[in-house]
C-alpha atoms as a PDB file:
ATOM      1  CA  MET A   1      49.142 104.375 -20.433  1.00  0.00           C
ATOM      2  CA  SER A   2      46.957 102.986 -17.684  1.00  0.00           C
ATOM      3  CA  LYS A   3      44.871  99.838 -17.986  1.00  0.00           C
ATOM      4  CA  ALA A   4      41.134  99.745 -17.454  1.00  0.00           C
ATOM      5  CA  TYR A   5      40.135  98.453 -14.022  1.00  0.00           C
ATOM      6  CA  SER A   6      37.157  96.571 -15.488  1.00  0.00           C
ATOM      7  CA  ARG A   7      35.723  95.331 -18.760  1.00  0.00           C
ATOM      8  CA  LYS A   8      32.057  95.034 -19.629  1.00  0.00           C
ATOM      9  CA  THR A   9      30.710  93.001 -22.526  1.00  0.00           C
ATOM     10  CA  GLY A  10      27.126  92.434 -23.502  1.00  0.00           C
ATOM     11  CA  VAL A  11      24.310  92.671 -26.010  1.00  0.00           C
ATOM     12  CA  LYS A  12      21.439  95.063 -26.562  1.00  0.00           C
ATOM     13  CA  ALA A  13      18.226  94.667 -28.547  1.00  0.00           C
ATOM     14  CA  GLN A  14      15.934  97.586 -29.416  1.00  0.00           C
ATOM     15  CA  TRP A  15      12.480  97.845 -30.949  1.00  0.00           C
ATOM     16  CA  ASN A  16      10.669 100.946 -32.190  1.00  0.00           C
ATOM     17  CA  TYR A  17       7.148 101.146 -33.587  1.00  0.00           C
ATOM     18  CA  TRP A  18       4.986 104.048 -34.757  1.00  0.00           C
ATOM     19  CA  TRP A  19       1.324 103.224 -33.992  1.00  0.00           C
ATOM     20  CA  SER A  20       0.160 106.447 -35.651  1.00  0.00           C
ATOM     21  CA  PRO A  21       1.758 109.790 -36.588  1.00  0.00           C
ATOM     22  CA  ARG A  22       1.312 110.895 -32.950  1.00  0.00           C
ATOM     23  CA  TRP A  23       2.036 107.683 -30.965  1.00  0.00           C
ATOM     24  CA  GLN A  24       5.335 105.800 -30.762  1.00  0.00           C
ATOM     25  CA  SER A  25       6.581 102.944 -28.580  1.00  0.00           C
ATOM     26  CA  LEU A  26      10.153 101.965 -27.798  1.00  0.00           C
ATOM     27  CA  ALA A  27      11.462  98.837 -26.083  1.00  0.00           C
ATOM     28  CA  ALA A  28      14.986  97.782 -25.168  1.00  0.00           C
ATOM     29  CA  TRP A  29      16.662  94.847 -23.433  1.00  0.00           C
ATOM     30  CA  GLU A  30      20.313  94.651 -22.374  1.00  0.00           C
ATOM     31  CA  TYR A  31      22.481  91.948 -20.872  1.00  0.00           C
ATOM     32  CA  GLY A  32      26.068  92.457 -19.788  1.00  0.00           C
ATOM     33  CA  ARG A  33      28.878  90.986 -17.691  1.00  0.00           C
ATOM     34  CA  GLN A  34      31.374  93.168 -15.899  1.00  0.00           C
ATOM     35  CA  LYS A  35      34.745  91.697 -14.871  1.00  0.00           C
ATOM     36  CA  HIS A  36      37.232  93.557 -12.680  1.00  0.00           C
ATOM     37  CA  ARG A  37      41.002  93.038 -12.924  1.00  0.00           C
ATOM     38  CA  THR A  38      41.780  93.165  -9.213  1.00  0.00           C
ATOM     39  CA  ARG A  39      38.518  93.656  -7.305  1.00  0.00           C
ATOM     40  CA  THR A  40      36.855  90.454  -8.525  1.00  0.00           C
ATOM     41  CA  HIS A  41      34.270  90.591  -5.748  1.00  0.00           C
ATOM     42  CA  LEU A  42      32.631  93.355  -7.833  1.00  0.00           C
ATOM     43  CA  ASP A  43      32.169  91.112 -10.910  1.00  0.00           C
ATOM     44  CA  HIS A  44      28.497  90.866 -11.870  1.00  0.00           C
ATOM     45  CA  ARG A  45      25.864  90.248 -14.520  1.00  0.00           C
ATOM     46  CA  GLY A  46      23.317  92.905 -15.383  1.00  0.00           C
ATOM     47  CA  HIS A  47      19.950  92.940 -17.123  1.00  0.00           C
ATOM     48  CA  LEU A  48      17.922  95.979 -18.169  1.00  0.00           C
ATOM     49  CA  ALA A  49      14.457  96.023 -19.723  1.00  0.00           C
ATOM     50  CA  SER A  50      12.821  99.282 -20.751  1.00  0.00           C
ATOM     51  CA  LEU A  51       9.466 100.174 -22.308  1.00  0.00           C
ATOM     52  CA  SER A  52       8.487 103.714 -23.324  1.00  0.00           C
ATOM     53  CA  PHE A  53       5.497 105.356 -24.981  1.00  0.00           C
ATOM     54  CA  LEU A  54       5.706 108.760 -26.631  1.00  0.00           C
ATOM     55  CA  PHE A  55       2.827 111.047 -27.553  1.00  0.00           C
ATOM     56  CA  TYR A  56       3.388 113.970 -29.934  1.00  0.00           C
ATOM     57  CA  PRO A  57       0.506 116.479 -29.525  1.00  0.00           C
ATOM     58  CA  THR A  58       2.267 118.795 -32.027  1.00  0.00           C
ATOM     59  CA  ASP A  59       5.215 118.455 -34.378  1.00  0.00           C
ATOM     60  CA  SER A  60       7.450 120.275 -31.879  1.00  0.00           C
ATOM     61  CA  GLN A  61       6.293 118.802 -28.566  1.00  0.00           C
ATOM     62  CA  TYR A  62       6.183 115.346 -26.961  1.00  0.00           C
ATOM     63  CA  TRP A  63       5.280 113.514 -23.769  1.00  0.00           C
ATOM     64  CA  LEU A  64       7.160 110.376 -22.742  1.00  0.00           C
ATOM     65  CA  PHE A  65       6.076 107.715 -20.239  1.00  0.00           C
ATOM     66  CA  GLY A  66       8.341 104.771 -19.452  1.00  0.00           C
ATOM     67  CA  HIS A  67       8.961 101.771 -17.204  1.00  0.00           C
ATOM     68  CA  ASP A  68      12.386 100.270 -16.459  1.00  0.00           C
ATOM     69  CA  ILE A  69      13.609  97.164 -14.643  1.00  0.00           C
ATOM     70  CA  GLN A  70      17.312  96.715 -13.897  1.00  0.00           C
ATOM     71  CA  VAL A  71      18.759  93.660 -12.145  1.00  0.00           C
ATOM     72  CA  GLN A  72      22.357  93.107 -11.048  1.00  0.00           C
ATOM     73  CA  THR A  73      23.237  89.550  -9.993  1.00  0.00           C
ATOM     74  CA  GLY A  74      26.195  87.236  -9.710  1.00  0.00           C
ATOM     75  CA  THR A  75      28.099  89.290  -7.149  1.00  0.00           C
ATOM     76  CA  ARG A  76      30.179  87.537  -4.505  1.00  0.00           C
ATOM     77  CA  ASP A  77      28.578  89.647  -1.766  1.00  0.00           C
ATOM     78  CA  ALA A  78      24.774  89.445  -1.900  1.00  0.00           C
ATOM     79  CA  SER A  79      24.491  93.071  -0.754  1.00  0.00           C
ATOM     80  CA  ASP A  80      25.951  94.144  -4.124  1.00  0.00           C
ATOM     81  CA  SER A  81      23.075  92.453  -6.001  1.00  0.00           C
ATOM     82  CA  PHE A  82      19.873  94.403  -6.528  1.00  0.00           C
ATOM     83  CA  GLN A  83      16.704  94.938  -8.512  1.00  0.00           C
ATOM     84  CA  GLN A  84      15.602  98.449  -9.426  1.00  0.00           C
ATOM     85  CA  VAL A  85      12.154  99.237 -10.826  1.00  0.00           C
ATOM     86  CA  GLY A  86      11.417 102.704 -12.133  1.00  0.00           C
ATOM     87  CA  LEU A  87       8.771 104.870 -13.755  1.00  0.00           C
ATOM     88  CA  ARG A  88       9.698 107.815 -15.980  1.00  0.00           C
ATOM     89  CA  ALA A  89       7.866 110.790 -17.436  1.00  0.00           C
ATOM     90  CA  ALA A  90       9.165 113.636 -19.571  1.00  0.00           C
ATOM     91  CA  TRP A  91       7.940 116.610 -21.550  1.00  0.00           C
ATOM     92  CA  GLY A  92       9.953 117.951 -24.473  1.00  0.00           C
ATOM     93  CA  GLN A  93       9.646 120.989 -26.716  1.00  0.00           C
ATOM     94  CA  THR A  94      11.594 122.228 -29.732  1.00  0.00           C
ATOM     95  CA  TRP A  95      11.325 126.018 -29.961  1.00  0.00           C
ATOM     96  CA  THR A  96      11.150 128.114 -33.138  1.00  0.00           C
ATOM     97  CA  SER A  97      14.809 129.083 -32.579  1.00  0.00           C
ATOM     98  CA  GLY A  98      15.764 125.401 -32.958  1.00  0.00           C
ATOM     99  CA  LEU A  99      16.718 124.991 -29.296  1.00  0.00           C
ATOM    100  CA  GLY A 100      15.034 122.265 -27.298  1.00  0.00           C
ATOM    101  CA  SER A 101      13.907 121.832 -23.702  1.00  0.00           C
ATOM    102  CA  ARG A 102      13.155 118.688 -21.749  1.00  0.00           C
ATOM    103  CA  ILE A 103      11.828 118.180 -18.224  1.00  0.00           C
ATOM    104  CA  ASN A 104      12.237 114.702 -16.692  1.00  0.00           C
ATOM    105  CA  ALA A 105      10.797 113.033 -13.608  1.00  0.00           C
ATOM    106  CA  GLN A 106      11.652 109.545 -12.407  1.00  0.00           C
ATOM    107  CA  ILE A 107      10.884 107.416  -9.378  1.00  0.00           C
ATOM    108  CA  ASN A 108      12.687 104.167  -8.524  1.00  0.00           C
ATOM    109  CA  THR A 109      12.445 101.456  -5.908  1.00  0.00           C
ATOM    110  CA  ASP A 110      15.500  99.363  -5.058  1.00  0.00           C
ATOM    111  CA  THR A 111      15.464  95.860  -3.602  1.00  0.00           C
ATOM    112  CA  HIS A 112      18.757  94.357  -2.436  1.00  0.00           C
ATOM    113  CA  PHE A 113      18.972  90.555  -2.413  1.00  0.00           C
END
């Protein structure tokens, strides 16, 4: 049996609120530390914050709009640290057959420290 080359520990908090039967908001925050057994220069801390709004025009369809920020710090080499900011949009549909479809679009910008 092989051993894992890294271990990640952390916490996550989530929040969900229905503003009305058609509008919902979701928020999440994560913090984690990743430690590597042999390649310790890759050890780092990570943060992720996410905020999403969903609109349900019908009972079987939704639109999602979201914003994410991810930061990785604490690396030995500064080029391995970064901040990523992203915007997301999606459209989802559940069909009468019970199958679902989802189309996603996302744009991100990365900044390396």
